[in-house]
């Protein structure tokens, strides 16, 4: 299978992604794969640019203080509690009457 993309140069590194969809017994399964390709000037072919497999995943911990600030649902800080609307304080959702 061949394709031609005029905007891609042989000096570019190209990210190629594709989806494989399997529909069986009423269930759809989708697998997405992305690879990086570089052009080899010696063999005049695109080769897989392997950046390796991940060796570790570190958990990120947030130090969030419950400072009593009030935010709307879009994350904007408020100066007072809105009447009849939902708001967020100390990572909890509230609604005032």
PDB file of N, CA and C in Angstrom:
ATOM      1  N   UNK A   1       0.847  -1.160   0.000  1.00  0.00           N
ATOM      2  CA  UNK A   1       0.000   0.000   0.000  1.00  0.00           C
ATOM      3  C   UNK A   1       0.904   1.237   0.000  1.00  0.00           C
ATOM      4  N   UNK A   2       0.598   2.195  -0.839  1.00  0.00           N
ATOM      5  CA  UNK A   2       1.415   3.390  -0.961  1.00  0.00           C
ATOM      6  C   UNK A   2       0.548   4.630  -0.777  1.00  0.00           C
ATOM      7  N   UNK A   3       1.194   5.686  -0.294  1.00  0.00           N
ATOM      8  CA  UNK A   3       0.524   6.982  -0.165  1.00  0.00           C
ATOM      9  C   UNK A   3       1.551   8.061  -0.446  1.00  0.00           C
ATOM     10  N   UNK A   4       1.097   9.200  -0.925  1.00  0.00           N
ATOM     11  CA  UNK A   4       1.991  10.308  -1.235  1.00  0.00           C
ATOM     12  C   UNK A   4       1.508  11.557  -0.500  1.00  0.00           C
ATOM     13  N   UNK A   5       2.411  12.189   0.241  1.00  0.00           N
ATOM     14  CA  UNK A   5       2.102  13.406   0.983  1.00  0.00           C
ATOM     15  C   UNK A   5       3.149  14.447   0.604  1.00  0.00           C
ATOM     16  N   UNK A   6       2.755  15.400  -0.214  1.00  0.00           N
ATOM     17  CA  UNK A   6       3.687  16.388  -0.745  1.00  0.00           C
ATOM     18  C   UNK A   6       4.276  17.326   0.296  1.00  0.00           C
ATOM     19  N   UNK A   7       3.614  17.511   1.435  1.00  0.00           N
ATOM     20  CA  UNK A   7       4.102  18.442   2.441  1.00  0.00           C
ATOM     21  C   UNK A   7       5.161  17.818   3.359  1.00  0.00           C
ATOM     22  N   UNK A   8       5.407  16.521   3.253  1.00  0.00           N
ATOM     23  CA  UNK A   8       6.412  15.854   4.088  1.00  0.00           C
ATOM     24  C   UNK A   8       7.718  15.780   3.318  1.00  0.00           C
ATOM     25  N   UNK A   9       8.786  16.240   3.955  1.00  0.00           N
ATOM     26  CA  UNK A   9      10.112  16.214   3.342  1.00  0.00           C
ATOM     27  C   UNK A   9      10.911  15.045   3.892  1.00  0.00           C
ATOM     28  N   UNK A  10      11.949  14.642   3.178  1.00  0.00           N
ATOM     29  CA  UNK A  10      12.783  13.537   3.644  1.00  0.00           C
ATOM     30  C   UNK A  10      13.655  13.933   4.829  1.00  0.00           C
ATOM     31  N   UNK A  11      13.701  15.196   5.170  1.00  0.00           N
ATOM     32  CA  UNK A  11      14.444  15.642   6.353  1.00  0.00           C
ATOM     33  C   UNK A  11      13.559  15.680   7.596  1.00  0.00           C
ATOM     34  N   UNK A  12      12.275  15.376   7.443  1.00  0.00           N
ATOM     35  CA  UNK A  12      11.328  15.417   8.559  1.00  0.00           C
ATOM     36  C   UNK A  12      11.343  14.105   9.337  1.00  0.00           C
ATOM     37  N   UNK A  13      10.957  14.203  10.598  1.00  0.00           N
ATOM     38  CA  UNK A  13      10.602  13.037  11.389  1.00  0.00           C
ATOM     39  C   UNK A  13       9.081  13.034  11.446  1.00  0.00           C
ATOM     40  N   UNK A  14       8.480  11.916  11.084  1.00  0.00           N
ATOM     41  CA  UNK A  14       7.040  11.851  10.890  1.00  0.00           C
ATOM     42  C   UNK A  14       6.408  10.928  11.932  1.00  0.00           C
ATOM     43  N   UNK A  15       5.325  11.397  12.546  1.00  0.00           N
ATOM     44  CA  UNK A  15       4.557  10.556  13.452  1.00  0.00           C
ATOM     45  C   UNK A  15       3.392   9.964  12.669  1.00  0.00           C
ATOM     46  N   UNK A  16       3.302   8.648  12.648  1.00  0.00           N
ATOM     47  CA  UNK A  16       2.265   7.947  11.917  1.00  0.00           C
ATOM     48  C   UNK A  16       1.418   7.179  12.927  1.00  0.00           C
ATOM     49  N   UNK A  17       0.109   7.422  12.915  1.00  0.00           N
ATOM     50  CA  UNK A  17      -0.803   6.731  13.822  1.00  0.00           C
ATOM     51  C   UNK A  17      -1.864   6.009  13.008  1.00  0.00           C
ATOM     52  N   UNK A  18      -2.289   4.886  13.526  1.00  0.00           N
ATOM     53  CA  UNK A  18      -3.358   4.155  12.871  1.00  0.00           C
ATOM     54  C   UNK A  18      -4.210   3.455  13.925  1.00  0.00           C
ATOM     55  N   UNK A  19      -5.460   3.218  13.578  1.00  0.00           N
ATOM     56  CA  UNK A  19      -6.408   2.551  14.455  1.00  0.00           C
ATOM     57  C   UNK A  19      -6.802   1.219  13.841  1.00  0.00           C
ATOM     58  N   UNK A  20      -6.884   0.204  14.674  1.00  0.00           N
ATOM     59  CA  UNK A  20      -7.399  -1.087  14.258  1.00  0.00           C
ATOM     60  C   UNK A  20      -8.697  -1.296  15.019  1.00  0.00           C
ATOM     61  N   UNK A  21      -9.791  -1.520  14.274  1.00  0.00           N
ATOM     62  CA  UNK A  21     -11.097  -1.713  14.899  1.00  0.00           C
ATOM     63  C   UNK A  21     -11.598  -3.117  14.604  1.00  0.00           C
ATOM     64  N   UNK A  22     -11.939  -3.828  15.668  1.00  0.00           N
ATOM     65  CA  UNK A  22     -12.467  -5.185  15.536  1.00  0.00           C
ATOM     66  C   UNK A  22     -13.873  -5.186  16.120  1.00  0.00           C
ATOM     67  N   UNK A  23     -14.834  -5.561  15.294  1.00  0.00           N
ATOM     68  CA  UNK A  23     -16.229  -5.641  15.734  1.00  0.00           C
ATOM     69  C   UNK A  23     -16.630  -7.105  15.713  1.00  0.00           C
ATOM     70  N   UNK A  24     -16.875  -7.655  16.902  1.00  0.00           N
ATOM     71  CA  UNK A  24     -17.211  -9.064  16.993  1.00  0.00           C
ATOM     72  C   UNK A  24     -18.247  -9.280  18.087  1.00  0.00           C
ATOM     73  N   UNK A  25     -19.283 -10.003  17.781  1.00  0.00           N
ATOM     74  CA  UNK A  25     -20.347 -10.346  18.726  1.00  0.00           C
ATOM     75  C   UNK A  25     -20.942  -9.113  19.392  1.00  0.00           C
ATOM     76  N   UNK A  26     -21.119  -8.045  18.631  1.00  0.00           N
ATOM     77  CA  UNK A  26     -21.729  -6.831  19.157  1.00  0.00           C
ATOM     78  C   UNK A  26     -20.803  -5.970  20.000  1.00  0.00           C
ATOM     79  N   UNK A  27     -19.515  -6.286  20.030  1.00  0.00           N
ATOM     80  CA  UNK A  27     -18.551  -5.528  20.822  1.00  0.00           C
ATOM     81  C   UNK A  27     -17.501  -4.941  19.892  1.00  0.00           C
ATOM     82  N   UNK A  28     -17.251  -3.649  20.038  1.00  0.00           N
ATOM     83  CA  UNK A  28     -16.232  -2.972  19.235  1.00  0.00           C
ATOM     84  C   UNK A  28     -14.990  -2.767  20.090  1.00  0.00           C
ATOM     85  N   UNK A  29     -13.866  -3.254  19.604  1.00  0.00           N
ATOM     86  CA  UNK A  29     -12.587  -3.043  20.268  1.00  0.00           C
ATOM     87  C   UNK A  29     -11.703  -2.222  19.344  1.00  0.00           C
ATOM     88  N   UNK A  30     -11.040  -1.204  19.921  1.00  0.00           N
ATOM     89  CA  UNK A  30     -10.201  -0.313  19.134  1.00  0.00           C
ATOM     90  C   UNK A  30      -8.791  -0.333  19.713  1.00  0.00           C
ATOM     91  N   UNK A  31      -7.819  -0.499  18.850  1.00  0.00           N
ATOM     92  CA  UNK A  31      -6.413  -0.450  19.244  1.00  0.00           C
ATOM     93  C   UNK A  31      -5.758   0.667  18.434  1.00  0.00           C
ATOM     94  N   UNK A  32      -5.116   1.604  19.121  1.00  0.00           N
ATOM     95  CA  UNK A  32      -4.436   2.713  18.455  1.00  0.00           C
ATOM     96  C   UNK A  32      -2.935   2.525  18.603  1.00  0.00           C
ATOM     97  N   UNK A  33      -2.226   2.722  17.520  1.00  0.00           N
ATOM     98  CA  UNK A  33      -0.773   2.579  17.528  1.00  0.00           C
ATOM     99  C   UNK A  33      -0.160   3.786  16.827  1.00  0.00           C
ATOM    100  N   UNK A  34       0.880   4.363  17.423  1.00  0.00           N
ATOM    101  CA  UNK A  34       1.605   5.473  16.807  1.00  0.00           C
ATOM    102  C   UNK A  34       3.086   5.146  16.775  1.00  0.00           C
ATOM    103  N   UNK A  35       3.729   5.455  15.673  1.00  0.00           N
ATOM    104  CA  UNK A  35       5.163   5.249  15.505  1.00  0.00           C
ATOM    105  C   UNK A  35       5.791   6.498  14.904  1.00  0.00           C
ATOM    106  N   UNK A  36       7.072   6.679  15.170  1.00  0.00           N
ATOM    107  CA  UNK A  36       7.841   7.767  14.582  1.00  0.00           C
ATOM    108  C   UNK A  36       8.723   7.192  13.486  1.00  0.00           C
ATOM    109  N   UNK A  37       8.761   7.863  12.337  1.00  0.00           N
ATOM    110  CA  UNK A  37       9.569   7.415  11.211  1.00  0.00           C
ATOM    111  C   UNK A  37      10.558   8.508  10.810  1.00  0.00           C
ATOM    112  N   UNK A  38      11.773   8.100  10.446  1.00  0.00           N
ATOM    113  CA  UNK A  38      12.770   9.013   9.890  1.00  0.00           C
ATOM    114  C   UNK A  38      13.233   8.441   8.554  1.00  0.00           C
ATOM    115  N   UNK A  39      13.700   9.315   7.692  1.00  0.00           N
ATOM    116  CA  UNK A  39      14.132   8.883   6.363  1.00  0.00           C
ATOM    117  C   UNK A  39      15.626   8.599   6.388  1.00  0.00           C
ATOM    118  N   UNK A  40      15.996   7.409   5.944  1.00  0.00           N
ATOM    119  CA  UNK A  40      17.400   7.011   5.873  1.00  0.00           C
ATOM    120  C   UNK A  40      17.942   7.373   4.494  1.00  0.00           C
ATOM    121  N   UNK A  41      18.869   8.328   4.454  1.00  0.00           N
ATOM    122  CA  UNK A  41      19.415   8.809   3.181  1.00  0.00           C
ATOM    123  C   UNK A  41      20.264   7.746   2.483  1.00  0.00           C
ATOM    124  N   UNK A  42      20.773   6.765   3.237  1.00  0.00           N
ATOM    125  CA  UNK A  42      21.614   5.723   2.622  1.00  0.00           C
ATOM    126  C   UNK A  42      20.787   4.674   1.892  1.00  0.00           C
ATOM    127  N   UNK A  43      19.673   4.265   2.479  1.00  0.00           N
ATOM    128  CA  UNK A  43      18.851   3.219   1.849  1.00  0.00           C
ATOM    129  C   UNK A  43      17.634   3.789   1.124  1.00  0.00           C
ATOM    130  N   UNK A  44      17.412   5.108   1.243  1.00  0.00           N
ATOM    131  CA  UNK A  44      16.273   5.787   0.620  1.00  0.00           C
ATOM    132  C   UNK A  44      14.928   5.166   1.049  1.00  0.00           C
ATOM    133  N   UNK A  45      14.832   4.847   2.330  1.00  0.00           N
ATOM    134  CA  UNK A  45      13.593   4.293   2.877  1.00  0.00           C
ATOM    135  C   UNK A  45      13.292   4.953   4.218  1.00  0.00           C
ATOM    136  N   UNK A  46      12.031   4.887   4.612  1.00  0.00           N
ATOM    137  CA  UNK A  46      11.635   5.361   5.926  1.00  0.00           C
ATOM    138  C   UNK A  46      11.862   4.240   6.926  1.00  0.00           C
ATOM    139  N   UNK A  47      12.479   4.570   8.051  1.00  0.00           N
ATOM    140  CA  UNK A  47      12.756   3.556   9.068  1.00  0.00           C
ATOM    141  C   UNK A  47      12.090   3.958  10.382  1.00  0.00           C
ATOM    142  N   UNK A  48      11.798   2.966  11.194  1.00  0.00           N
ATOM    143  CA  UNK A  48      11.159   3.185  12.481  1.00  0.00           C
ATOM    144  C   UNK A  48      12.149   3.832  13.438  1.00  0.00           C
ATOM    145  N   UNK A  49      11.784   4.962  13.995  1.00  0.00           N
ATOM    146  CA  UNK A  49      12.607   5.669  14.969  1.00  0.00           C
ATOM    147  C   UNK A  49      12.156   5.210  16.341  1.00  0.00           C
ATOM    148  N   UNK A  50      12.875   4.268  16.913  1.00  0.00           N
ATOM    149  CA  UNK A  50      12.491   3.676  18.187  1.00  0.00           C
ATOM    150  C   UNK A  50      13.121   4.468  19.319  1.00  0.00           C
ATOM    151  N   UNK A  51      12.278   5.076  20.136  1.00  0.00           N
ATOM    152  CA  UNK A  51      12.791   5.839  21.270  1.00  0.00           C
ATOM    153  C   UNK A  51      12.775   4.995  22.539  1.00  0.00           C
ATOM    154  N   UNK A  52      12.496   3.715  22.410  1.00  0.00           N
ATOM    155  CA  UNK A  52      12.547   2.803  23.541  1.00  0.00           C
ATOM    156  C   UNK A  52      11.228   2.678  24.263  1.00  0.00           C
ATOM    157  N   UNK A  53      11.174   1.704  25.128  1.00  0.00           N
ATOM    158  CA  UNK A  53       9.987   1.466  25.935  1.00  0.00           C
ATOM    159  C   UNK A  53      10.160   2.136  27.289  1.00  0.00           C
ATOM    160  N   UNK A  54       9.072   2.574  27.894  1.00  0.00           N
ATOM    161  CA  UNK A  54       9.199   3.181  29.212  1.00  0.00           C
ATOM    162  C   UNK A  54       9.689   2.160  30.230  1.00  0.00           C
ATOM    163  N   UNK A  55      10.573   2.589  31.102  1.00  0.00           N
ATOM    164  CA  UNK A  55      11.113   1.684  32.116  1.00  0.00           C
ATOM    165  C   UNK A  55      10.497   1.928  33.480  1.00  0.00           C
ATOM    166  N   UNK A  56       9.875   3.086  33.667  1.00  0.00           N
ATOM    167  CA  UNK A  56       9.251   3.381  34.957  1.00  0.00           C
ATOM    168  C   UNK A  56       8.212   4.470  34.782  1.00  0.00           C
ATOM    169  N   UNK A  57       7.224   4.440  35.643  1.00  0.00           N
ATOM    170  CA  UNK A  57       6.215   5.484  35.688  1.00  0.00           C
ATOM    171  C   UNK A  57       6.166   5.976  37.119  1.00  0.00           C
ATOM    172  N   UNK A  58       6.433   7.249  37.303  1.00  0.00           N
ATOM    173  CA  UNK A  58       6.443   7.811  38.647  1.00  0.00           C
ATOM    174  C   UNK A  58       5.104   8.433  38.958  1.00  0.00           C
ATOM    175  N   UNK A  59       4.667   8.257  40.185  1.00  0.00           N
ATOM    176  CA  UNK A  59       3.413   8.860  40.614  1.00  0.00           C
ATOM    177  C   UNK A  59       3.678  10.292  41.034  1.00  0.00           C
ATOM    178  N   UNK A  60       2.831  11.185  40.560  1.00  0.00           N
ATOM    179  CA  UNK A  60       2.964  12.594  40.892  1.00  0.00           C
ATOM    180  C   UNK A  60       2.070  12.884  42.090  1.00  0.00           C
ATOM    181  N   UNK A  61       2.656  13.471  43.110  1.00  0.00           N
ATOM    182  CA  UNK A  61       1.885  13.825  44.287  1.00  0.00           C
ATOM    183  C   UNK A  61       1.747  15.335  44.356  1.00  0.00           C
ATOM    184  N   UNK A  62       0.545  15.789  44.634  1.00  0.00           N
ATOM    185  CA  UNK A  62       0.272  17.206  44.740  1.00  0.00           C
ATOM    186  C   UNK A  62       0.121  17.577  46.203  1.00  0.00           C
ATOM    187  N   UNK A  63       0.738  18.661  46.577  1.00  0.00           N
ATOM    188  CA  UNK A  63       0.563  19.202  47.918  1.00  0.00           C
ATOM    189  C   UNK A  63      -0.470  20.315  47.831  1.00  0.00           C
ATOM    190  N   UNK A  64      -1.727  19.945  48.055  1.00  0.00           N
ATOM    191  CA  UNK A  64      -2.818  20.904  47.930  1.00  0.00           C
ATOM    192  C   UNK A  64      -3.312  21.259  49.318  1.00  0.00           C
ATOM    193  N   UNK A  65      -3.270  22.525  49.621  1.00  0.00           N
ATOM    194  CA  UNK A  65      -3.758  22.990  50.915  1.00  0.00           C
ATOM    195  C   UNK A  65      -5.230  23.350  50.797  1.00  0.00           C
ATOM    196  N   UNK A  66      -5.993  23.005  51.804  1.00  0.00           N
ATOM    197  CA  UNK A  66      -7.390  23.423  51.861  1.00  0.00           C
ATOM    198  C   UNK A  66      -7.405  24.843  52.392  1.00  0.00           C
ATOM    199  N   UNK A  67      -7.339  25.806  51.491  1.00  0.00           N
ATOM    200  CA  UNK A  67      -7.193  27.203  51.877  1.00  0.00           C
ATOM    201  C   UNK A  67      -8.521  27.946  51.956  1.00  0.00           C
ATOM    202  N   UNK A  68      -9.637  27.265  51.706  1.00  0.00           N
ATOM    203  CA  UNK A  68     -10.947  27.895  51.827  1.00  0.00           C
ATOM    204  C   UNK A  68     -11.339  28.796  50.677  1.00  0.00           C
ATOM    205  N   UNK A  69     -10.539  28.865  49.625  1.00  0.00           N
ATOM    206  CA  UNK A  69     -10.903  29.698  48.486  1.00  0.00           C
ATOM    207  C   UNK A  69     -12.101  29.104  47.778  1.00  0.00           C
ATOM    208  N   UNK A  70     -12.889  29.958  47.133  1.00  0.00           N
ATOM    209  CA  UNK A  70     -14.110  29.550  46.459  1.00  0.00           C
ATOM    210  C   UNK A  70     -13.910  29.702  44.956  1.00  0.00           C
ATOM    211  N   UNK A  71     -14.346  28.669  44.193  1.00  0.00           N
ATOM    212  CA  UNK A  71     -14.203  28.677  42.747  1.00  0.00           C
ATOM    213  C   UNK A  71     -15.538  28.311  42.102  1.00  0.00           C
ATOM    214  N   UNK A  72     -15.779  28.817  40.884  1.00  0.00           N
ATOM    215  CA  UNK A  72     -16.954  28.372  40.134  1.00  0.00           C
ATOM    216  C   UNK A  72     -16.589  27.089  39.401  1.00  0.00           C
ATOM    217  N   UNK A  73     -17.536  26.531  38.652  1.00  0.00           N
ATOM    218  CA  UNK A  73     -17.305  25.252  37.987  1.00  0.00           C
ATOM    219  C   UNK A  73     -16.314  25.337  36.839  1.00  0.00           C
ATOM    220  N   UNK A  74     -15.975  26.544  36.407  1.00  0.00           N
ATOM    221  CA  UNK A  74     -14.959  26.725  35.374  1.00  0.00           C
ATOM    222  C   UNK A  74     -13.571  26.961  35.952  1.00  0.00           C
ATOM    223  N   UNK A  75     -13.469  26.938  37.296  1.00  0.00           N
ATOM    224  CA  UNK A  75     -12.173  27.101  37.945  1.00  0.00           C
ATOM    225  C   UNK A  75     -11.781  28.532  38.226  1.00  0.00           C
ATOM    226  N   UNK A  76     -12.699  29.468  38.044  1.00  0.00           N
ATOM    227  CA  UNK A  76     -12.399  30.870  38.324  1.00  0.00           C
ATOM    228  C   UNK A  76     -12.618  31.139  39.807  1.00  0.00           C
ATOM    229  N   UNK A  77     -11.699  31.864  40.412  1.00  0.00           N
ATOM    230  CA  UNK A  77     -11.815  32.177  41.835  1.00  0.00           C
ATOM    231  C   UNK A  77     -12.907  33.227  42.058  1.00  0.00           C
ATOM    232  N   UNK A  78     -13.721  32.989  43.073  1.00  0.00           N
ATOM    233  CA  UNK A  78     -14.810  33.896  43.421  1.00  0.00           C
ATOM    234  C   UNK A  78     -14.487  34.595  44.735  1.00  0.00           C
ATOM    235  N   UNK A  79     -15.051  35.778  44.930  1.00  0.00           N
ATOM    236  CA  UNK A  79     -14.828  36.521  46.172  1.00  0.00           C
ATOM    237  C   UNK A  79     -15.929  36.264  47.192  1.00  0.00           C
ATOM    238  N   UNK A  80     -17.093  35.778  46.731  1.00  0.00           N
ATOM    239  CA  UNK A  80     -18.176  35.462  47.657  1.00  0.00           C
ATOM    240  C   UNK A  80     -18.946  34.256  47.145  1.00  0.00           C
ATOM    241  N   UNK A  81     -19.699  33.621  48.034  1.00  0.00           N
ATOM    242  CA  UNK A  81     -20.468  32.441  47.675  1.00  0.00           C
ATOM    243  C   UNK A  81     -21.643  32.849  46.796  1.00  0.00           C
ATOM    244  N   UNK A  82     -21.791  32.250  45.616  1.00  0.00           N
ATOM    245  CA  UNK A  82     -22.909  32.595  44.733  1.00  0.00           C
ATOM    246  C   UNK A  82     -24.216  32.002  45.267  1.00  0.00           C
ATOM    247  N   UNK A  83     -25.293  32.727  45.101  1.00  0.00           N
ATOM    248  CA  UNK A  83     -26.599  32.283  45.582  1.00  0.00           C
ATOM    249  C   UNK A  83     -27.258  31.412  44.515  1.00  0.00           C
ATOM    250  N   UNK A  84     -27.687  30.211  44.901  1.00  0.00           N
ATOM    251  CA  UNK A  84     -28.397  29.319  44.003  1.00  0.00           C
ATOM    252  C   UNK A  84     -27.543  28.672  42.936  1.00  0.00           C
ATOM    253  N   UNK A  85     -26.231  28.708  43.072  1.00  0.00           N
ATOM    254  CA  UNK A  85     -25.337  28.109  42.088  1.00  0.00           C
ATOM    255  C   UNK A  85     -24.345  27.184  42.783  1.00  0.00           C
ATOM    256  N   UNK A  86     -23.813  26.243  41.997  1.00  0.00           N
ATOM    257  CA  UNK A  86     -22.801  25.344  42.547  1.00  0.00           C
ATOM    258  C   UNK A  86     -21.454  26.057  42.585  1.00  0.00           C
ATOM    259  N   UNK A  87     -20.665  25.710  43.582  1.00  0.00           N
ATOM    260  CA  UNK A  87     -19.314  26.257  43.698  1.00  0.00           C
ATOM    261  C   UNK A  87     -18.422  25.213  44.348  1.00  0.00           C
ATOM    262  N   UNK A  88     -17.134  25.449  44.291  1.00  0.00           N
ATOM    263  CA  UNK A  88     -16.140  24.514  44.821  1.00  0.00           C
ATOM    264  C   UNK A  88     -15.366  25.212  45.925  1.00  0.00           C
ATOM    265  N   UNK A  89     -15.211  24.512  47.056  1.00  0.00           N
ATOM    266  CA  UNK A  89     -14.385  24.994  48.169  1.00  0.00           C
ATOM    267  C   UNK A  89     -13.678  23.783  48.760  1.00  0.00           C
ATOM    268  N   UNK A  90     -12.365  23.880  48.912  1.00  0.00           N
ATOM    269  CA  UNK A  90     -11.545  22.792  49.459  1.00  0.00           C
ATOM    270  C   UNK A  90     -11.791  21.464  48.739  1.00  0.00           C
ATOM    271  N   UNK A  91     -11.834  21.532  47.424  1.00  0.00           N
ATOM    272  CA  UNK A  91     -12.007  20.370  46.549  1.00  0.00           C
ATOM    273  C   UNK A  91     -13.337  19.646  46.748  1.00  0.00           C
ATOM    274  N   UNK A  92     -14.332  20.325  47.303  1.00  0.00           N
ATOM    275  CA  UNK A  92     -15.671  19.759  47.497  1.00  0.00           C
ATOM    276  C   UNK A  92     -16.665  20.633  46.734  1.00  0.00           C
ATOM    277  N   UNK A  93     -17.710  20.005  46.208  1.00  0.00           N
ATOM    278  CA  UNK A  93     -18.729  20.710  45.437  1.00  0.00           C
ATOM    279  C   UNK A  93     -19.910  21.040  46.353  1.00  0.00           C
ATOM    280  N   UNK A  94     -20.351  22.312  46.328  1.00  0.00           N
ATOM    281  CA  UNK A  94     -21.449  22.776  47.158  1.00  0.00           C
ATOM    282  C   UNK A  94     -22.454  23.512  46.291  1.00  0.00           C
ATOM    283  N   UNK A  95     -23.677  23.653  46.826  1.00  0.00           N
ATOM    284  CA  UNK A  95     -24.682  24.522  46.216  1.00  0.00           C
ATOM    285  C   UNK A  95     -25.342  25.309  47.344  1.00  0.00           C
ATOM    286  N   UNK A  96     -25.430  26.601  47.147  1.00  0.00           N
ATOM    287  CA  UNK A  96     -26.030  27.453  48.201  1.00  0.00           C
ATOM    288  C   UNK A  96     -27.491  27.682  47.895  1.00  0.00           C
ATOM    289  N   UNK A  97     -28.284  27.901  48.958  1.00  0.00           N
ATOM    290  CA  UNK A  97     -29.727  28.145  48.796  1.00  0.00           C
ATOM    291  C   UNK A  97     -30.049  29.587  49.017  1.00  0.00           C
TER     292      UNK A  97
END
